[in-house]
């Protein structure tokens, strides 16, 4: 009784495993792509290079001299 799978055989079992596996993978991809990167991007806008530079300076990643030089480079 339990061993008999009718006309479906192992194909149905493998198909179900593939279906649920693909569904789980799709959900993980959606979650990964919808997570914010922690930046100030809103409404699909990309951050401008000067904004990124200001953030790096504010976080202390670069010194004032480097900030001023890069700011001057970006403005020209």
N, C-alpha and C. Protein backbone atom coordinates (compact mmCIF):
# COMPACT_ATOMS: atom_id res chain seq x y z
N UNK A 1 0.81 -1.18 0.00
CA UNK A 1 0.00 0.00 0.00
C UNK A 1 0.86 1.26 0.00
N UNK A 2 1.73 1.40 0.98
CA UNK A 2 2.58 2.60 1.05
C UNK A 2 3.66 2.60 -0.01
N UNK A 3 4.11 1.43 -0.41
CA UNK A 3 5.18 1.33 -1.38
C UNK A 3 4.73 1.61 -2.80
N UNK A 4 3.45 1.54 -3.05
CA UNK A 4 2.93 1.74 -4.39
C UNK A 4 2.74 3.23 -4.67
N UNK A 5 3.38 3.76 -5.72
CA UNK A 5 3.28 5.18 -6.04
C UNK A 5 2.45 5.40 -7.31
N UNK A 6 1.75 4.41 -7.76
CA UNK A 6 0.90 4.58 -8.93
C UNK A 6 1.71 4.86 -10.18
N UNK A 7 1.17 5.66 -11.06
CA UNK A 7 1.83 5.99 -12.32
C UNK A 7 2.89 7.07 -12.16
N UNK A 8 2.96 7.69 -10.99
CA UNK A 8 3.88 8.82 -10.80
C UNK A 8 5.30 8.36 -10.52
N UNK A 9 5.49 7.33 -9.78
CA UNK A 9 6.81 6.82 -9.47
C UNK A 9 7.66 7.83 -8.72
N UNK A 10 8.96 7.75 -8.90
CA UNK A 10 9.89 8.63 -8.21
C UNK A 10 9.89 10.03 -8.82
N UNK A 11 9.42 10.18 -10.03
CA UNK A 11 9.41 11.49 -10.69
C UNK A 11 8.63 12.53 -9.92
N UNK A 12 7.52 12.15 -9.35
CA UNK A 12 6.71 13.10 -8.57
C UNK A 12 7.45 13.52 -7.31
N UNK A 13 8.09 12.59 -6.64
CA UNK A 13 8.83 12.92 -5.43
C UNK A 13 9.99 13.85 -5.73
N UNK A 14 10.73 13.56 -6.78
CA UNK A 14 11.85 14.42 -7.18
C UNK A 14 11.34 15.78 -7.62
N UNK A 15 10.23 15.79 -8.34
CA UNK A 15 9.64 17.05 -8.78
C UNK A 15 9.23 17.94 -7.61
N UNK A 16 8.69 17.34 -6.57
CA UNK A 16 8.28 18.11 -5.39
C UNK A 16 9.50 18.69 -4.67
N UNK A 17 10.55 17.88 -4.56
CA UNK A 17 11.78 18.36 -3.91
C UNK A 17 12.36 19.52 -4.71
N UNK A 18 12.40 19.39 -6.03
CA UNK A 18 12.91 20.48 -6.87
C UNK A 18 12.05 21.73 -6.75
N UNK A 19 10.74 21.55 -6.75
CA UNK A 19 9.83 22.69 -6.63
C UNK A 19 10.08 23.47 -5.34
N UNK A 20 10.11 22.76 -4.21
CA UNK A 20 10.29 23.43 -2.92
C UNK A 20 11.70 24.02 -2.80
N UNK A 21 12.68 23.34 -3.36
CA UNK A 21 14.05 23.87 -3.34
C UNK A 21 14.16 25.16 -4.14
N UNK A 22 13.58 25.17 -5.33
CA UNK A 22 13.59 26.39 -6.15
C UNK A 22 12.80 27.52 -5.49
N UNK A 23 11.70 27.19 -4.86
CA UNK A 23 10.91 28.20 -4.17
C UNK A 23 11.71 28.81 -3.02
N UNK A 24 12.38 27.97 -2.25
CA UNK A 24 13.20 28.47 -1.14
C UNK A 24 14.35 29.34 -1.66
N UNK A 25 14.99 28.92 -2.74
CA UNK A 25 16.08 29.70 -3.33
C UNK A 25 15.58 31.06 -3.82
N UNK A 26 14.41 31.08 -4.45
CA UNK A 26 13.84 32.34 -4.94
C UNK A 26 13.54 33.29 -3.78
N UNK A 27 13.02 32.76 -2.69
CA UNK A 27 12.73 33.59 -1.52
C UNK A 27 14.02 34.16 -0.94
N UNK A 28 15.08 33.34 -0.88
CA UNK A 28 16.36 33.85 -0.36
C UNK A 28 16.94 34.94 -1.24
N UNK A 29 16.82 34.77 -2.55
CA UNK A 29 17.33 35.80 -3.47
C UNK A 29 16.55 37.09 -3.30
N UNK A 30 15.24 37.00 -3.16
CA UNK A 30 14.42 38.20 -2.96
C UNK A 30 14.78 38.90 -1.66
N UNK A 31 14.97 38.15 -0.61
CA UNK A 31 15.33 38.75 0.69
C UNK A 31 16.69 39.42 0.58
N UNK A 32 17.65 38.76 -0.05
CA UNK A 32 18.98 39.32 -0.18
C UNK A 32 18.97 40.61 -1.00
N UNK A 33 18.17 40.65 -2.06
CA UNK A 33 18.14 41.82 -2.93
C UNK A 33 17.32 42.97 -2.36
N UNK A 34 16.39 42.70 -1.46
CA UNK A 34 15.57 43.78 -0.92
C UNK A 34 16.15 44.37 0.35
N UNK A 35 17.14 43.72 0.93
CA UNK A 35 17.79 44.29 2.11
C UNK A 35 18.54 45.53 1.71
N UNK A 36 18.43 46.57 2.55
CA UNK A 36 19.17 47.80 2.29
C UNK A 36 20.64 47.60 2.54
N UNK A 37 21.45 48.37 1.86
CA UNK A 37 22.90 48.26 2.05
C UNK A 37 23.36 49.17 3.18
N UNK A 38 22.41 49.83 3.87
CA UNK A 38 22.78 50.70 4.97
C UNK A 38 23.14 52.10 4.52
N UNK A 39 22.99 52.39 3.27
CA UNK A 39 23.33 53.72 2.77
C UNK A 39 22.08 54.58 2.69
N UNK A 40 22.25 55.81 2.29
CA UNK A 40 21.16 56.77 2.27
C UNK A 40 20.41 56.76 0.94
N UNK A 41 20.37 55.63 0.25
CA UNK A 41 19.68 55.57 -1.03
C UNK A 41 18.18 55.43 -0.79
N UNK A 42 17.40 56.30 -1.43
CA UNK A 42 15.95 56.24 -1.31
C UNK A 42 15.33 56.45 -2.68
N UNK A 43 14.14 55.91 -2.86
CA UNK A 43 13.38 56.07 -4.09
C UNK A 43 14.18 55.69 -5.33
N UNK A 44 15.05 54.70 -5.23
CA UNK A 44 15.79 54.23 -6.39
C UNK A 44 16.91 55.16 -6.84
N UNK A 45 17.20 56.18 -6.08
CA UNK A 45 18.27 57.10 -6.46
C UNK A 45 19.61 56.52 -6.03
N UNK A 46 20.62 56.79 -6.84
CA UNK A 46 21.96 56.37 -6.46
C UNK A 46 22.63 57.50 -5.71
N UNK A 47 23.50 57.12 -4.78
CA UNK A 47 24.25 58.12 -4.05
C UNK A 47 25.22 58.82 -4.99
N UNK A 48 25.37 60.09 -4.78
CA UNK A 48 26.32 60.85 -5.58
C UNK A 48 27.70 60.68 -4.96
N UNK A 49 28.75 60.74 -5.79
CA UNK A 49 30.11 60.55 -5.27
C UNK A 49 30.47 61.51 -4.14
N UNK A 50 30.01 62.75 -4.21
CA UNK A 50 30.32 63.70 -3.16
C UNK A 50 29.65 63.31 -1.84
N UNK A 51 28.44 62.76 -1.92
CA UNK A 51 27.76 62.29 -0.71
C UNK A 51 28.51 61.14 -0.07
N UNK A 52 29.01 60.23 -0.90
CA UNK A 52 29.80 59.11 -0.39
C UNK A 52 31.07 59.62 0.28
N UNK A 53 31.71 60.59 -0.34
CA UNK A 53 32.92 61.18 0.21
C UNK A 53 32.64 61.83 1.56
N UNK A 54 31.54 62.54 1.66
CA UNK A 54 31.17 63.18 2.92
C UNK A 54 30.91 62.15 4.01
N UNK A 55 30.26 61.04 3.65
CA UNK A 55 30.01 59.98 4.62
C UNK A 55 31.32 59.37 5.12
N UNK A 56 32.24 59.14 4.19
CA UNK A 56 33.54 58.55 4.58
C UNK A 56 34.28 59.49 5.52
N UNK A 57 34.23 60.78 5.25
CA UNK A 57 34.89 61.76 6.12
C UNK A 57 34.21 61.80 7.49
N UNK A 58 32.89 61.75 7.48
CA UNK A 58 32.14 61.79 8.74
C UNK A 58 32.42 60.55 9.60
N UNK A 59 32.63 59.40 8.97
CA UNK A 59 32.94 58.18 9.71
C UNK A 59 34.40 58.11 10.14
N UNK A 60 35.21 59.06 9.66
CA UNK A 60 36.62 59.07 10.04
C UNK A 60 37.49 58.16 9.20
N UNK A 61 36.99 57.72 8.06
CA UNK A 61 37.76 56.83 7.20
C UNK A 61 38.88 57.58 6.47
N UNK A 62 38.68 58.87 6.24
CA UNK A 62 39.69 59.68 5.55
C UNK A 62 39.94 60.95 6.36
N UNK A 63 41.13 61.50 6.18
CA UNK A 63 41.50 62.74 6.87
C UNK A 63 41.00 63.94 6.09
N UNK A 64 41.07 65.10 6.74
CA UNK A 64 40.57 66.34 6.13
C UNK A 64 41.29 66.67 4.82
N UNK A 65 42.61 66.49 4.79
CA UNK A 65 43.37 66.80 3.58
C UNK A 65 42.92 65.94 2.40
N UNK A 66 42.76 64.65 2.67
CA UNK A 66 42.31 63.75 1.61
C UNK A 66 40.89 64.11 1.18
N UNK A 67 40.04 64.46 2.15
CA UNK A 67 38.67 64.86 1.83
C UNK A 67 38.66 66.08 0.92
N UNK A 68 39.44 67.10 1.29
CA UNK A 68 39.48 68.33 0.49
C UNK A 68 40.00 68.07 -0.91
N UNK A 69 41.04 67.23 -1.03
CA UNK A 69 41.61 66.93 -2.35
C UNK A 69 40.59 66.20 -3.23
N UNK A 70 39.96 65.20 -2.66
CA UNK A 70 38.99 64.43 -3.44
C UNK A 70 37.76 65.27 -3.78
N UNK A 71 37.35 66.13 -2.87
CA UNK A 71 36.23 67.02 -3.12
C UNK A 71 36.56 67.96 -4.28
N UNK A 72 37.77 68.48 -4.26
CA UNK A 72 38.23 69.38 -5.34
C UNK A 72 38.24 68.61 -6.68
N UNK A 73 38.72 67.36 -6.65
CA UNK A 73 38.76 66.53 -7.85
C UNK A 73 37.36 66.27 -8.39
N UNK A 74 36.43 66.02 -7.51
CA UNK A 74 35.06 65.72 -7.94
C UNK A 74 34.35 66.95 -8.49
N UNK A 75 34.66 68.11 -7.97
CA UNK A 75 33.99 69.32 -8.41
C UNK A 75 34.52 69.82 -9.75
N UNK A 76 35.67 69.34 -10.15
CA UNK A 76 36.24 69.76 -11.45
C UNK A 76 35.96 68.80 -12.53
